Amino acid sequence: MNHVTLSGGHYPLVHDMGFTKVGENWYHPDRVLDYNVFIYSYEGYVQVLEHDVEYLIKPGDFLFL
């Protein structure tokens, strides 16, 4: 796992922001993007599989892809 540090002097450009609420059996289709994605779990759990590594994002956790 890599660690990302965001300095107070240089903020990342936010292209889009949204909120997703899904059911238990929902899954996201596989895709490859040309930009980074920041996932934050406010409530519930998010399971992410990236390069055969599984991440379980719990409330208050985040993942930067």
C-alpha atoms as a PDB file:
ATOM      1  CA  MET A   1       0.000   0.000   0.000  1.00  0.00           C
ATOM      2  CA  ASN A   2       1.243   3.477  -0.848  1.00  0.00           C
ATOM      3  CA  HIS A   3       0.740   6.479   1.395  1.00  0.00           C
ATOM      4  CA  VAL A   4      -0.365   9.833  -0.015  1.00  0.00           C
ATOM      5  CA  THR A   5       0.396  13.145   1.683  1.00  0.00           C
ATOM      6  CA  LEU A   6      -1.634  16.217   0.780  1.00  0.00           C
ATOM      7  CA  SER A   7       0.098  19.454   1.712  1.00  0.00           C
ATOM      8  CA  GLY A   8      -1.839  22.496   2.821  1.00  0.00           C
ATOM      9  CA  GLY A   9      -0.262  24.587   0.042  1.00  0.00           C
ATOM     10  CA  HIS A  10      -1.240  22.429  -2.944  1.00  0.00           C
ATOM     11  CA  TYR A  11      -4.696  20.945  -3.144  1.00  0.00           C
ATOM     12  CA  PRO A  12      -5.707  18.381  -5.758  1.00  0.00           C
ATOM     13  CA  LEU A  13      -8.027  19.373  -8.590  1.00  0.00           C
ATOM     14  CA  VAL A  14     -11.490  17.907  -7.987  1.00  0.00           C
ATOM     15  CA  HIS A  15     -13.096  16.955 -11.285  1.00  0.00           C
ATOM     16  CA  ASP A  16     -16.328  15.482  -9.957  1.00  0.00           C
ATOM     17  CA  MET A  17     -17.937  14.657  -6.629  1.00  0.00           C
ATOM     18  CA  GLY A  18     -20.905  12.499  -5.836  1.00  0.00           C
ATOM     19  CA  PHE A  19     -22.734  10.394  -3.298  1.00  0.00           C
ATOM     20  CA  THR A  20     -23.621   6.750  -3.829  1.00  0.00           C
ATOM     21  CA  LYS A  21     -25.969   4.620  -1.776  1.00  0.00           C
ATOM     22  CA  VAL A  22     -26.200   1.009  -2.898  1.00  0.00           C
ATOM     23  CA  GLY A  23     -27.690  -2.307  -1.811  1.00  0.00           C
ATOM     24  CA  GLU A  24     -25.888  -5.429  -0.641  1.00  0.00           C
ATOM     25  CA  ASN A  25     -25.454  -7.132  -4.018  1.00  0.00           C
ATOM     26  CA  TRP A  26     -24.411  -4.061  -6.030  1.00  0.00           C
ATOM     27  CA  TYR A  27     -21.091  -4.135  -7.825  1.00  0.00           C
ATOM     28  CA  HIS A  28     -19.245  -1.604  -9.962  1.00  0.00           C
ATOM     29  CA  PRO A  29     -18.203  -2.685 -13.465  1.00  0.00           C
ATOM     30  CA  ASP A  30     -14.482  -3.146 -14.153  1.00  0.00           C
ATOM     31  CA  ARG A  31     -12.863  -0.154 -15.804  1.00  0.00           C
ATOM     32  CA  VAL A  32      -9.560   1.671 -16.192  1.00  0.00           C
ATOM     33  CA  LEU A  33      -9.553   5.437 -15.696  1.00  0.00           C
ATOM     34  CA  ASP A  34      -7.028   8.084 -16.665  1.00  0.00           C
ATOM     35  CA  TYR A  35      -7.484   9.922 -13.359  1.00  0.00           C
ATOM     36  CA  ASN A  36      -7.342   9.169  -9.624  1.00  0.00           C
ATOM     37  CA  VAL A  37     -10.371   8.369  -7.479  1.00  0.00           C
ATOM     38  CA  PHE A  38     -10.816   9.213  -3.788  1.00  0.00           C
ATOM     39  CA  ILE A  39     -13.313   6.961  -1.968  1.00  0.00           C
ATOM     40  CA  TYR A  40     -14.537   7.880   1.523  1.00  0.00           C
ATOM     41  CA  SER A  41     -16.960   5.734   3.504  1.00  0.00           C
ATOM     42  CA  TYR A  42     -19.325   7.761   5.636  1.00  0.00           C
ATOM     43  CA  GLU A  43     -21.599   4.881   6.581  1.00  0.00           C
ATOM     44  CA  GLY A  44     -21.397   1.179   5.796  1.00  0.00           C
ATOM     45  CA  TYR A  45     -18.575  -0.700   4.117  1.00  0.00           C
ATOM     46  CA  VAL A  46     -17.039  -0.512   0.644  1.00  0.00           C
ATOM     47  CA  GLN A  47     -15.133  -3.467  -0.785  1.00  0.00           C
ATOM     48  CA  VAL A  48     -12.591  -2.590  -3.499  1.00  0.00           C
ATOM     49  CA  LEU A  49     -10.484  -5.061  -5.487  1.00  0.00           C
ATOM     50  CA  GLU A  50      -7.500  -3.351  -7.122  1.00  0.00           C
ATOM     51  CA  HIS A  51      -4.741  -5.375  -8.832  1.00  0.00           C
ATOM     52  CA  ASP A  52      -5.810  -8.535  -6.951  1.00  0.00           C
ATOM     53  CA  VAL A  53      -5.590  -6.734  -3.582  1.00  0.00           C
ATOM     54  CA  GLU A  54      -8.821  -6.474  -1.589  1.00  0.00           C
ATOM     55  CA  TYR A  55      -9.518  -3.366   0.499  1.00  0.00           C
ATOM     56  CA  LEU A  56     -12.403  -3.071   2.953  1.00  0.00           C
ATOM     57  CA  ILE A  57     -13.173   0.590   3.595  1.00  0.00           C
ATOM     58  CA  LYS A  58     -15.027   1.087   6.873  1.00  0.00           C
ATOM     59  CA  PRO A  59     -16.862   4.215   8.067  1.00  0.00           C
ATOM     60  CA  GLY A  60     -14.295   7.009   8.448  1.00  0.00           C
ATOM     61  CA  ASP A  61     -11.762   5.265   6.167  1.00  0.00           C
ATOM     62  CA  PHE A  62     -10.713   6.394   2.718  1.00  0.00           C
ATOM     63  CA  LEU A  63      -8.909   4.927  -0.283  1.00  0.00           C
ATOM     64  CA  PHE A  64      -7.075   6.894  -2.946  1.00  0.00           C
ATOM     65  CA  LEU A  65      -6.856   5.009  -6.251  1.00  0.00           C
END
